[in-house]
Protein backbone atom coordinates (compact mmCIF):
# COMPACT_ATOMS: atom_id res chain seq x y z
CA MET A 1 -62.17 -94.72 -31.48
CA SER A 2 -60.76 -96.74 -28.11
CA TRP A 3 -57.87 -95.43 -25.76
CA ALA A 4 -57.31 -99.13 -24.51
CA ILE A 5 -53.93 -98.32 -26.15
CA GLU A 6 -52.06 -100.57 -24.56
CA GLU A 7 -54.25 -103.67 -25.43
CA TYR A 8 -54.31 -103.27 -29.45
CA ALA A 9 -50.35 -102.64 -29.00
CA GLU A 10 -50.42 -106.08 -27.54
CA ASP A 11 -52.16 -107.55 -29.85
CA ALA A 12 -50.92 -105.80 -32.74
CA ILE A 13 -47.41 -107.34 -31.12
CA VAL A 14 -48.56 -110.94 -30.52
CA LYS A 15 -50.42 -110.65 -33.72
CA TYR A 16 -47.27 -110.00 -35.82
CA LEU A 17 -44.86 -112.31 -33.93
CA LYS A 18 -47.52 -115.47 -35.45
CA ASN A 19 -46.91 -113.57 -38.51
CA GLU A 20 -43.32 -113.92 -37.79
CA ILE A 21 -42.55 -116.73 -35.59
CA ASP A 22 -43.84 -120.97 -36.65
CA ASP A 23 -46.81 -121.91 -34.30
CA ALA A 24 -45.48 -125.17 -33.37
CA ALA A 25 -42.11 -123.29 -32.07
CA LEU A 26 -43.07 -120.52 -29.58
CA ASN A 27 -47.04 -120.17 -28.16
CA LEU A 28 -47.79 -116.44 -27.98
CA TYR A 29 -50.37 -115.08 -25.08
CA THR A 30 -51.70 -111.63 -24.47
CA ALA A 31 -50.95 -110.81 -21.15
CA TRP A 32 -53.57 -111.04 -19.24
CA THR A 33 -54.99 -114.44 -20.74
CA ASN A 34 -57.39 -117.05 -20.70
CA ASP A 35 -55.52 -119.41 -22.46
CA GLU A 36 -53.71 -121.66 -20.41
CA ILE A 37 -49.36 -121.14 -21.09
CA LYS A 38 -48.44 -123.79 -22.33
CA PHE A 39 -43.79 -123.72 -22.43
CA PRO A 40 -42.05 -122.69 -25.24
CA CYS A 41 -44.01 -119.22 -25.04
CA ALA A 42 -43.96 -115.57 -25.02
CA VAL A 43 -46.41 -112.84 -23.56
CA VAL A 44 -46.78 -110.27 -24.06
CA HIS A 45 -47.68 -107.23 -21.77
CA ALA A 46 -48.13 -103.27 -22.42
CA GLY A 47 -48.39 -102.34 -18.77
CA SER A 48 -48.09 -99.27 -18.85
CA SER A 49 -47.69 -95.63 -21.78
CA SER A 50 -46.94 -91.69 -21.07
CA ASN A 51 -47.22 -88.82 -22.87
CA VAL A 52 -44.32 -88.32 -25.26
CA GLU A 53 -41.96 -86.15 -23.79
CA GLY A 54 -41.95 -82.22 -23.55
CA PHE A 55 -45.38 -82.73 -24.46
CA SER A 56 -49.23 -82.55 -22.98
CA PHE A 57 -51.44 -85.58 -23.41
CA ASN A 58 -52.69 -85.98 -27.73
CA GLY A 59 -53.22 -89.33 -28.03
CA VAL A 60 -49.75 -90.20 -29.18
CA ARG A 61 -48.03 -92.42 -26.53
CA VAL A 62 -44.46 -94.10 -24.89
CA LEU A 63 -45.02 -97.18 -24.35
CA LYS A 64 -42.68 -99.72 -22.93
CA ILE A 65 -43.41 -103.49 -23.99
CA GLN A 66 -42.09 -106.43 -22.70
CA ILE A 67 -41.94 -109.66 -24.26
CA ALA A 68 -41.73 -112.42 -21.83
CA VAL A 69 -40.03 -115.18 -23.64
CA MET A 70 -40.37 -118.30 -21.37
CA THR A 71 -39.17 -122.09 -21.55
CA GLU A 72 -39.07 -125.15 -18.54
CA ALA A 73 -36.15 -125.43 -17.36
CA ALA A 74 -35.56 -129.05 -18.15
CA ASP A 75 -33.53 -130.60 -20.89
CA ALA A 76 -36.34 -132.19 -23.76
CA GLY A 77 -35.36 -132.83 -27.46
CA GLY A 78 -31.79 -134.21 -27.17
CA LYS A 79 -31.50 -129.96 -26.05
CA THR A 80 -30.38 -128.37 -22.74
CA ALA A 81 -32.90 -126.10 -21.41
CA ARG A 82 -30.09 -122.87 -21.98
CA GLU A 83 -30.30 -124.12 -25.80
CA LEU A 84 -34.53 -124.40 -25.57
CA ASN A 85 -34.63 -120.67 -23.87
CA ARG A 86 -31.75 -119.63 -26.22
CA ALA A 87 -33.98 -120.86 -29.28
CA ALA A 88 -37.35 -119.31 -28.33
CA ARG A 89 -35.35 -116.05 -27.31
CA SER A 90 -33.80 -115.44 -30.88
CA LEU A 91 -36.88 -116.65 -32.54
CA VAL A 92 -38.41 -113.21 -31.22
CA ILE A 93 -35.12 -110.71 -31.11
CA LYS A 94 -34.65 -111.74 -34.35
CA ALA A 95 -38.35 -111.06 -35.95
CA LEU A 96 -37.94 -107.78 -33.81
CA ALA A 97 -34.99 -107.32 -34.60
CA GLN A 98 -35.81 -104.81 -37.93
CA SER A 99 -34.68 -101.27 -38.62
CA SER A 100 -38.69 -100.36 -39.88
CA LEU A 101 -39.96 -102.46 -36.85
CA HIS A 102 -43.27 -100.07 -37.26
CA ASN A 103 -44.26 -99.96 -40.63
CA ASP A 104 -44.09 -103.67 -40.17
CA ILE A 105 -46.27 -104.60 -37.80
CA ASN A 106 -48.61 -101.31 -39.58
CA ASP A 107 -48.53 -103.85 -42.18
CA LEU A 108 -50.79 -106.02 -40.64
CA GLU A 109 -53.71 -103.44 -40.10
CA PRO A 110 -54.19 -103.57 -36.59
CA ASP A 111 -56.33 -102.99 -34.11
CA GLY A 112 -57.21 -99.70 -32.32
CA VAL A 113 -54.09 -98.36 -32.59
CA VAL A 114 -50.89 -97.36 -35.15
CA PHE A 115 -47.43 -97.20 -34.70
CA SER A 116 -44.46 -94.04 -35.27
CA LEU A 117 -41.86 -96.15 -33.77
CA ALA A 118 -40.59 -99.63 -32.32
CA TYR A 119 -37.19 -100.38 -31.28
CA ILE A 120 -36.12 -103.41 -28.87
CA GLY A 121 -34.92 -102.37 -26.00
CA ASP A 122 -33.53 -103.61 -22.29
CA ILE A 123 -33.66 -107.13 -22.34
CA THR A 124 -33.16 -109.16 -18.68
CA ARG A 125 -33.11 -112.46 -17.37
CA SER A 126 -34.28 -114.19 -14.81
CA VAL A 127 -35.48 -117.74 -13.78
CA GLU A 128 -38.49 -118.06 -11.85
CA GLY A 129 -37.61 -120.73 -9.32
CA ASP A 130 -40.95 -122.19 -7.88
CA LYS A 131 -41.88 -122.58 -11.39
CA ARG A 132 -39.52 -123.42 -12.53
CA VAL A 133 -38.98 -121.61 -15.99
CA PHE A 134 -36.09 -119.18 -17.60
CA VAL A 135 -37.17 -115.53 -18.11
CA SER A 136 -36.41 -113.93 -20.94
CA GLU A 137 -37.27 -110.36 -20.84
CA ILE A 138 -37.87 -108.48 -24.02
CA GLU A 139 -38.60 -104.98 -24.21
CA LEU A 140 -39.98 -102.93 -26.94
CA ILE A 141 -40.30 -99.43 -26.96
CA THR A 142 -42.97 -97.84 -28.65
CA ILE A 143 -44.40 -94.84 -29.26
CA ALA A 144 -48.27 -95.26 -30.11
CA SER A 145 -51.39 -94.09 -31.25
CA PRO A 146 -54.81 -94.65 -31.40
CA LYS A 147 -56.84 -94.95 -34.37
CA ASP A 148 -60.91 -95.80 -36.15
CA LEU A 149 -61.76 -99.06 -35.27
CA ILE A 150 -63.42 -100.05 -39.06
């Protein structure tokens, strides 16, 4: 068993999104990837985890995972930059807007992690002006625990 639950959670969410979203529509990455980022894309980052409220450490963790959907602030293919951003963001939200999302993720048998809860939290929008990129951050609130690696 590995306690790198944040990294395994990122891998699991990327695996799930790749199962739900056509590769040609959106590039998907985990945080801290060595891959060259190509737009439009979504980057999955589990930056922190904490004990479930009211419990001491037992391995079950609350992870607030950020999914940054990013598109270039430029028109392309006859669509405005806003339309392109809207389409990319909608792909991710549609994939995550499931009442039993944790079961759908677990059904893909991700390595090193099992989820007992997953739902969409806050959504924020911003612009990285120096890179001319629209960013929509979708918070995915999860409860997960490590599982034995096969």
